[in-house]
N, C-alpha and C. Protein backbone atom coordinates (compact mmCIF):
# COMPACT_ATOMS: atom_id res chain seq x y z
N UNK A 1 11.22 -60.14 34.53
CA UNK A 1 10.23 -60.76 33.29
C UNK A 1 9.48 -60.20 32.53
N UNK A 2 9.25 -60.52 31.58
CA UNK A 2 8.71 -59.65 30.54
C UNK A 2 7.51 -60.21 29.63
N UNK A 3 6.92 -59.64 28.88
CA UNK A 3 5.78 -60.21 28.04
C UNK A 3 6.20 -60.80 26.79
N UNK A 4 6.11 -62.07 26.21
CA UNK A 4 6.76 -62.41 24.79
C UNK A 4 5.69 -61.99 23.78
N UNK A 5 4.38 -62.62 24.04
CA UNK A 5 3.60 -62.35 22.85
C UNK A 5 2.28 -63.14 23.27
N UNK A 6 1.06 -62.43 22.86
CA UNK A 6 -0.23 -62.86 23.08
C UNK A 6 -0.88 -63.28 21.78
N UNK A 7 -1.86 -63.93 21.88
CA UNK A 7 -2.55 -64.45 20.57
C UNK A 7 -3.92 -63.88 20.37
N UNK A 8 -4.43 -63.12 19.63
CA UNK A 8 -5.68 -62.88 19.64
C UNK A 8 -6.43 -63.64 18.08
N UNK A 9 -7.74 -64.20 18.30
CA UNK A 9 -8.03 -65.15 17.06
C UNK A 9 -9.31 -64.21 16.39
N UNK A 10 -9.18 -64.14 15.05
CA UNK A 10 -10.07 -63.58 14.57
C UNK A 10 -10.64 -64.32 13.19
N UNK A 11 -11.70 -64.30 12.18
CA UNK A 11 -12.09 -64.12 11.41
C UNK A 11 -11.48 -63.74 10.27
N UNK A 12 -10.99 -62.63 10.37
CA UNK A 12 -10.20 -61.74 9.29
C UNK A 12 -8.81 -61.20 9.70
N UNK A 13 -7.73 -62.45 9.65
CA UNK A 13 -6.43 -62.13 9.87
C UNK A 13 -5.93 -60.64 9.02
N UNK A 14 -6.33 -60.69 7.88
CA UNK A 14 -5.53 -59.43 6.88
C UNK A 14 -6.38 -58.21 7.68
N UNK A 15 -7.71 -58.04 7.39
CA UNK A 15 -8.44 -57.21 8.25
C UNK A 15 -7.71 -56.53 9.51
N UNK A 16 -7.77 -57.41 10.32
CA UNK A 16 -7.33 -56.86 11.92
C UNK A 16 -5.88 -56.73 12.19
N UNK A 17 -4.97 -57.46 11.35
CA UNK A 17 -3.75 -56.97 11.31
C UNK A 17 -3.58 -55.42 10.51
N UNK A 18 -4.58 -55.22 9.49
CA UNK A 18 -4.17 -53.91 9.03
C UNK A 18 -4.53 -52.91 9.76
N UNK A 19 -5.43 -53.25 10.72
CA UNK A 19 -6.31 -52.32 11.78
C UNK A 19 -5.38 -51.93 12.54
N UNK A 20 -4.43 -52.49 13.33
CA UNK A 20 -3.60 -52.34 14.41
C UNK A 20 -2.33 -51.80 13.85
N UNK A 21 -2.05 -52.36 12.39
CA UNK A 21 -0.99 -51.17 11.95
C UNK A 21 -1.12 -50.16 12.11
N UNK A 22 -2.10 -49.95 11.17
CA UNK A 22 -2.69 -48.57 10.82
C UNK A 22 -2.75 -47.42 12.11
N UNK A 23 -3.80 -48.04 12.94
CA UNK A 23 -4.13 -47.39 14.25
C UNK A 23 -2.87 -46.84 15.14
N UNK A 24 -2.56 -48.23 15.26
CA UNK A 24 -1.36 -48.23 16.48
C UNK A 24 0.18 -47.99 16.04
N UNK A 25 0.33 -48.22 15.09
CA UNK A 25 1.66 -48.24 14.41
C UNK A 25 2.74 -49.39 14.49
N UNK A 26 1.92 -50.84 14.79
CA UNK A 26 2.64 -51.67 15.29
C UNK A 26 3.40 -52.04 13.83
N UNK A 27 4.36 -52.83 13.38
CA UNK A 27 4.73 -53.22 12.36
C UNK A 27 4.66 -54.59 12.34
N UNK A 28 4.10 -54.88 10.93
CA UNK A 28 4.38 -56.71 10.57
C UNK A 28 5.72 -57.13 10.89
N UNK A 29 6.11 -58.40 11.70
CA UNK A 29 7.45 -58.95 11.34
C UNK A 29 6.97 -60.24 11.07
N UNK A 30 8.20 -60.71 10.43
CA UNK A 30 7.80 -62.18 9.79
C UNK A 30 7.50 -63.17 10.31
N UNK A 31 7.03 -64.25 10.01
CA UNK A 31 6.19 -65.50 10.68
C UNK A 31 7.64 -66.39 10.32
N UNK A 32 7.66 -67.54 11.28
CA UNK A 32 8.81 -68.55 10.99
C UNK A 32 8.03 -69.43 9.88
N UNK A 33 8.79 -69.95 9.21
CA UNK A 33 8.73 -71.04 7.98
C UNK A 33 7.70 -72.13 8.37
N UNK A 34 7.99 -72.68 9.61
CA UNK A 34 7.38 -73.75 10.40
C UNK A 34 6.11 -73.33 10.94
N UNK A 35 5.14 -72.42 10.87
CA UNK A 35 4.10 -72.34 11.32
C UNK A 35 3.09 -72.71 9.83
N UNK A 36 2.08 -73.44 10.21
CA UNK A 36 1.34 -74.10 9.33
C UNK A 36 -0.05 -73.58 9.25
N UNK A 37 -0.77 -72.40 10.07
CA UNK A 37 -1.64 -71.58 9.95
C UNK A 37 -1.55 -70.58 9.76
N UNK A 38 -2.93 -69.85 9.68
CA UNK A 38 -3.13 -68.46 9.19
C UNK A 38 -2.93 -67.66 10.16
N UNK A 39 -1.92 -66.96 10.01
CA UNK A 39 -1.54 -65.72 11.14
C UNK A 39 -0.40 -64.62 10.72
N UNK A 40 -0.43 -63.73 11.57
CA UNK A 40 0.44 -62.72 11.27
C UNK A 40 0.96 -61.86 12.55
N UNK A 41 2.32 -61.59 12.60
CA UNK A 41 2.79 -61.34 14.07
C UNK A 41 2.94 -59.75 13.84
N UNK A 42 2.84 -59.12 14.90
CA UNK A 42 3.06 -57.82 14.88
C UNK A 42 3.53 -57.42 16.58
N UNK A 43 4.63 -56.31 15.82
CA UNK A 43 5.51 -56.09 16.77
C UNK A 43 5.28 -54.71 18.18
N UNK A 44 5.13 -55.23 18.98
CA UNK A 44 4.60 -54.16 20.05
C UNK A 44 5.61 -53.42 20.42
N UNK A 45 6.92 -53.77 20.64
CA UNK A 45 8.07 -53.01 21.08
C UNK A 45 8.37 -53.88 22.21
N UNK A 46 9.47 -53.40 22.59
CA UNK A 46 10.32 -53.89 23.87
C UNK A 46 10.09 -55.36 23.88
N UNK A 47 10.13 -56.15 22.49
CA UNK A 47 10.39 -57.93 22.70
C UNK A 47 9.13 -58.07 22.48
N UNK A 48 7.80 -57.48 22.69
CA UNK A 48 6.73 -58.19 22.88
C UNK A 48 6.10 -58.19 21.42
N UNK A 49 5.23 -59.04 21.36
CA UNK A 49 4.54 -59.28 19.90
C UNK A 49 2.74 -59.67 20.50
N UNK A 50 1.95 -59.27 19.07
CA UNK A 50 0.81 -60.22 18.92
C UNK A 50 0.83 -60.80 18.05
N UNK A 51 -0.12 -62.10 18.14
CA UNK A 51 -0.21 -63.08 16.94
C UNK A 51 -1.54 -62.74 16.84
N UNK A 52 -1.99 -62.45 15.33
CA UNK A 52 -3.17 -62.50 14.81
C UNK A 52 -3.24 -63.72 14.33
N UNK A 53 -4.33 -64.55 14.78
CA UNK A 53 -4.64 -65.91 14.18
C UNK A 53 -6.00 -66.24 13.69
N UNK A 54 -6.06 -66.84 12.74
CA UNK A 54 -6.99 -67.05 12.03
C UNK A 54 -8.38 -68.04 12.49
N UNK A 55 -9.23 -67.99 12.69
CA UNK A 55 -10.16 -68.98 13.23
C UNK A 55 -11.55 -68.73 13.01
N UNK A 56 -11.84 -69.71 12.07
CA UNK A 56 -13.00 -69.68 10.97
C UNK A 56 -14.44 -68.99 11.75
N UNK A 57 -14.83 -69.80 12.84
CA UNK A 57 -15.80 -69.77 13.68
C UNK A 57 -15.54 -68.94 15.01
N UNK A 58 -14.62 -67.92 15.04
CA UNK A 58 -14.47 -67.12 16.16
C UNK A 58 -15.33 -66.28 16.38
N UNK A 59 -15.82 -66.37 18.02
CA UNK A 59 -16.81 -65.50 18.36
C UNK A 59 -15.91 -64.63 19.56
N UNK A 60 -16.34 -63.45 19.61
CA UNK A 60 -15.74 -62.67 20.75
C UNK A 60 -16.55 -63.12 22.29
N UNK A 61 -15.93 -63.03 23.28
CA UNK A 61 -16.04 -63.53 24.45
C UNK A 61 -17.09 -62.52 24.94
N UNK A 62 -18.40 -62.82 25.90
CA UNK A 62 -19.14 -61.65 26.69
C UNK A 62 -18.45 -61.02 27.80
N UNK A 63 -17.44 -61.67 28.10
CA UNK A 63 -16.78 -60.89 29.26
C UNK A 63 -15.39 -59.75 28.83
N UNK A 64 -15.92 -59.41 27.61
CA UNK A 64 -14.97 -58.35 26.90
C UNK A 64 -15.32 -57.06 28.01
N UNK A 65 -15.07 -56.65 28.81
CA UNK A 65 -15.27 -55.36 29.59
C UNK A 65 -14.30 -54.75 30.76
N UNK A 66 -14.29 -53.68 31.03
CA UNK A 66 -13.45 -53.18 32.15
C UNK A 66 -12.83 -54.09 33.27
N UNK A 67 -13.89 -54.49 33.70
CA UNK A 67 -13.90 -55.57 34.93
C UNK A 67 -14.09 -57.05 34.50
N UNK A 68 -13.42 -57.14 33.37
CA UNK A 68 -13.42 -58.62 32.67
C UNK A 68 -12.20 -58.30 32.03
N UNK A 69 -12.12 -59.31 30.71
CA UNK A 69 -11.12 -59.68 29.79
C UNK A 69 -10.54 -57.96 28.87
N UNK A 70 -9.87 -57.49 28.89
CA UNK A 70 -9.37 -56.63 27.91
C UNK A 70 -7.90 -56.43 28.22
N UNK A 71 -7.25 -55.79 26.69
CA UNK A 71 -6.04 -55.66 26.53
C UNK A 71 -5.39 -54.13 26.90
N UNK A 72 -4.90 -53.75 27.72
CA UNK A 72 -4.34 -52.42 27.54
C UNK A 72 -2.98 -52.11 27.50
N UNK A 73 -2.63 -50.94 26.86
CA UNK A 73 -1.29 -50.36 26.17
C UNK A 73 -0.96 -48.93 26.47
N UNK A 74 0.39 -48.79 26.99
CA UNK A 74 0.61 -47.64 27.38
C UNK A 74 1.07 -46.84 25.87
N UNK A 75 0.37 -45.64 25.72
CA UNK A 75 0.78 -44.84 24.35
C UNK A 75 1.36 -43.55 25.00
N UNK A 76 1.89 -42.65 24.16
CA UNK A 76 2.37 -41.34 24.54
C UNK A 76 1.10 -40.34 24.39
N UNK A 77 0.99 -39.11 25.36
CA UNK A 77 -0.05 -38.31 25.12
C UNK A 77 -0.47 -38.07 23.59
N UNK A 78 0.30 -37.81 22.93
CA UNK A 78 0.06 -37.09 21.55
C UNK A 78 -0.36 -38.16 20.66
N UNK A 79 -0.01 -39.68 20.92
CA UNK A 79 -0.58 -40.66 20.18
C UNK A 79 -1.80 -41.49 20.83
N UNK A 80 -2.30 -41.25 22.08
CA UNK A 80 -3.60 -41.29 22.89
C UNK A 80 -4.50 -40.53 21.98
N UNK A 81 -4.13 -38.96 21.75
CA UNK A 81 -4.70 -37.71 21.33
C UNK A 81 -5.48 -38.26 19.62
N UNK A 82 -4.32 -38.83 19.10
CA UNK A 82 -4.77 -39.29 17.69
C UNK A 82 -5.19 -40.38 17.53
N UNK A 83 -5.27 -41.13 18.47
CA UNK A 83 -6.02 -42.61 18.55
C UNK A 83 -7.54 -42.37 18.83
N UNK A 84 -7.60 -41.27 19.98
CA UNK A 84 -8.94 -41.03 20.18
C UNK A 84 -9.47 -40.31 19.04
N UNK A 85 -8.90 -39.43 18.48
CA UNK A 85 -9.66 -38.80 16.96
C UNK A 85 -9.94 -39.92 15.98
N UNK A 86 -9.08 -40.66 15.88
CA UNK A 86 -9.06 -41.63 14.52
C UNK A 86 -10.12 -42.79 14.53
N UNK A 87 -10.25 -43.24 15.61
CA UNK A 87 -11.26 -44.47 15.86
C UNK A 87 -12.42 -44.11 15.60
N UNK A 88 -13.26 -42.74 15.98
CA UNK A 88 -14.58 -42.50 15.33
C UNK A 88 -14.76 -41.71 14.07
N UNK A 89 -13.68 -41.00 13.62
CA UNK A 89 -13.64 -40.72 12.49
C UNK A 89 -13.16 -41.50 11.24
N UNK A 90 -12.20 -42.36 11.12
CA UNK A 90 -11.89 -43.48 10.33
C UNK A 90 -12.40 -44.47 10.55
N UNK A 91 -12.92 -44.99 11.63
CA UNK A 91 -13.36 -46.52 11.64
C UNK A 91 -14.68 -46.73 11.96
N UNK A 92 -15.42 -45.48 12.71
CA UNK A 92 -16.82 -45.72 13.30
C UNK A 92 -16.67 -46.40 14.43
N UNK A 93 -15.88 -46.37 15.30
CA UNK A 93 -15.48 -46.95 16.55
C UNK A 93 -15.71 -46.16 17.69
N UNK A 94 -16.60 -46.06 18.38
CA UNK A 94 -17.04 -45.12 19.81
C UNK A 94 -16.06 -45.29 20.59
N UNK A 95 -15.24 -44.15 21.04
CA UNK A 95 -14.55 -44.09 22.35
C UNK A 95 -15.39 -44.63 23.59
N UNK A 96 -15.00 -45.58 24.20
CA UNK A 96 -15.85 -45.74 25.90
C UNK A 96 -15.08 -45.28 26.89
N UNK A 97 -15.62 -44.27 27.71
CA UNK A 97 -15.21 -43.52 29.24
C UNK A 97 -15.00 -44.86 29.57
N UNK A 98 -13.70 -44.80 30.90
CA UNK A 98 -13.57 -45.64 31.77
C UNK A 98 -14.78 -45.61 33.08
N UNK A 99 -14.97 -47.00 33.54
CA UNK A 99 -15.83 -46.84 34.73
C UNK A 99 -15.52 -46.34 36.21
N UNK A 100 -13.82 -46.45 35.84
CA UNK A 100 -13.50 -45.99 37.16
C UNK A 100 -12.42 -44.88 36.77
N UNK A 101 -12.64 -43.67 37.49
CA UNK A 101 -11.71 -42.68 37.49
C UNK A 101 -10.24 -42.69 37.89
N UNK A 102 -9.50 -42.10 37.12
CA UNK A 102 -7.92 -42.21 37.46
C UNK A 102 -7.68 -40.53 37.09
N UNK A 103 -6.04 -40.45 37.58
CA UNK A 103 -5.49 -39.14 37.45
C UNK A 103 -4.78 -38.66 36.21
N UNK A 104 -4.97 -39.77 35.39
CA UNK A 104 -4.19 -39.95 33.78
C UNK A 104 -5.26 -40.37 32.80
N UNK A 105 -5.52 -39.62 31.93
CA UNK A 105 -6.21 -40.22 30.78
C UNK A 105 -5.82 -41.58 30.38
N UNK A 106 -7.41 -42.25 29.78
CA UNK A 106 -7.45 -43.51 29.68
C UNK A 106 -8.72 -43.55 28.88
N UNK A 107 -8.81 -44.83 27.85
CA UNK A 107 -10.14 -44.79 27.54
C UNK A 107 -10.26 -46.28 26.86
N UNK A 108 -11.51 -46.64 26.27
CA UNK A 108 -11.28 -48.07 25.99
C UNK A 108 -12.01 -47.89 24.22
N UNK A 109 -12.00 -49.12 23.72
CA UNK A 109 -12.94 -49.22 22.66
C UNK A 109 -12.65 -50.81 22.51
N UNK A 110 -13.57 -50.90 21.18
CA UNK A 110 -13.89 -52.44 20.86
C UNK A 110 -13.43 -52.48 19.69
N UNK A 111 -11.96 -53.41 19.31
CA UNK A 111 -11.63 -53.74 18.17
C UNK A 111 -12.58 -54.41 16.91
N UNK A 112 -12.43 -54.40 15.68
CA UNK A 112 -13.38 -55.04 14.83
C UNK A 112 -13.71 -56.21 15.35
N UNK A 113 -12.98 -56.94 16.15
CA UNK A 113 -13.45 -58.49 16.43
C UNK A 113 -14.32 -58.54 17.59
N UNK A 114 -14.23 -57.19 18.44
CA UNK A 114 -15.44 -57.31 19.26
C UNK A 114 -13.99 -57.27 21.04
N UNK A 115 -12.70 -57.62 20.76
CA UNK A 115 -11.83 -57.25 21.64
C UNK A 115 -11.91 -55.97 22.47
N UNK A 116 -11.73 -55.93 23.76
CA UNK A 116 -12.08 -54.60 24.37
C UNK A 116 -10.47 -54.19 24.90
N UNK A 117 -9.97 -52.95 24.23
CA UNK A 117 -8.89 -52.25 24.30
C UNK A 117 -8.46 -51.23 24.94
N UNK A 118 -7.88 -51.21 25.99
CA UNK A 118 -7.62 -50.08 26.61
C UNK A 118 -5.93 -49.08 26.41
N UNK A 119 -6.27 -48.19 26.07
CA UNK A 119 -5.24 -47.14 25.61
C UNK A 119 -4.94 -45.95 26.76
N UNK A 120 -3.83 -46.11 27.33
CA UNK A 120 -3.77 -45.31 28.46
C UNK A 120 -2.33 -44.30 28.30
N UNK A 121 -2.63 -43.27 28.98
CA UNK A 121 -1.56 -42.25 28.42
C UNK A 121 -0.19 -42.51 29.58
N UNK A 122 0.72 -42.61 28.85
CA UNK A 122 2.05 -43.46 29.37
C UNK A 122 3.18 -42.09 29.93
N UNK A 123 2.63 -40.78 29.66
CA UNK A 123 3.28 -39.75 29.71
C UNK A 123 2.66 -39.06 30.98
N UNK A 124 1.58 -39.47 31.49
CA UNK A 124 1.16 -38.85 32.82
C UNK A 124 0.68 -39.89 33.64
N UNK A 125 0.84 -41.22 33.47
CA UNK A 125 0.49 -42.40 34.51
C UNK A 125 1.33 -42.19 35.35
N UNK A 126 0.66 -42.74 36.60
CA UNK A 126 1.35 -42.99 37.77
C UNK A 126 0.56 -44.06 38.49
N UNK A 127 1.26 -44.76 39.34
CA UNK A 127 0.77 -45.92 40.08
C UNK A 127 -0.37 -44.84 41.09
N UNK A 128 -1.15 -45.51 41.38
CA UNK A 128 -2.17 -45.11 42.14
C UNK A 128 -1.99 -45.70 43.67
N UNK A 129 -2.10 -45.25 44.70
CA UNK A 129 -2.02 -46.06 45.96
C UNK A 129 -3.19 -46.72 46.33
């Protein structure tokens, strides 16, 4: 079993898509002609996609936190360092340290919509007992 896609809502489809394309390097992929809502699709790799859906009155959940809803992504150690540097410098988004210590590097940040994103060092990740 593998992830096909997940959908995030936003008031700003273009801005949200541009943010993830730029920061995470996820390319945009064509949306089928039979989709009649404002949406952009991003390719996360390995067949997984993020669908960025326009919802005029979207509000983030109050449960966006490490022990609540968040989206976690593996990236290379090199990419993790780049993202960690660029978030505050290029976007003014603070890095949030994890609440739970792990033997591999990871951190959190809120995207421009308020979603909590976790970035995990894939190169040094190991399952904890």
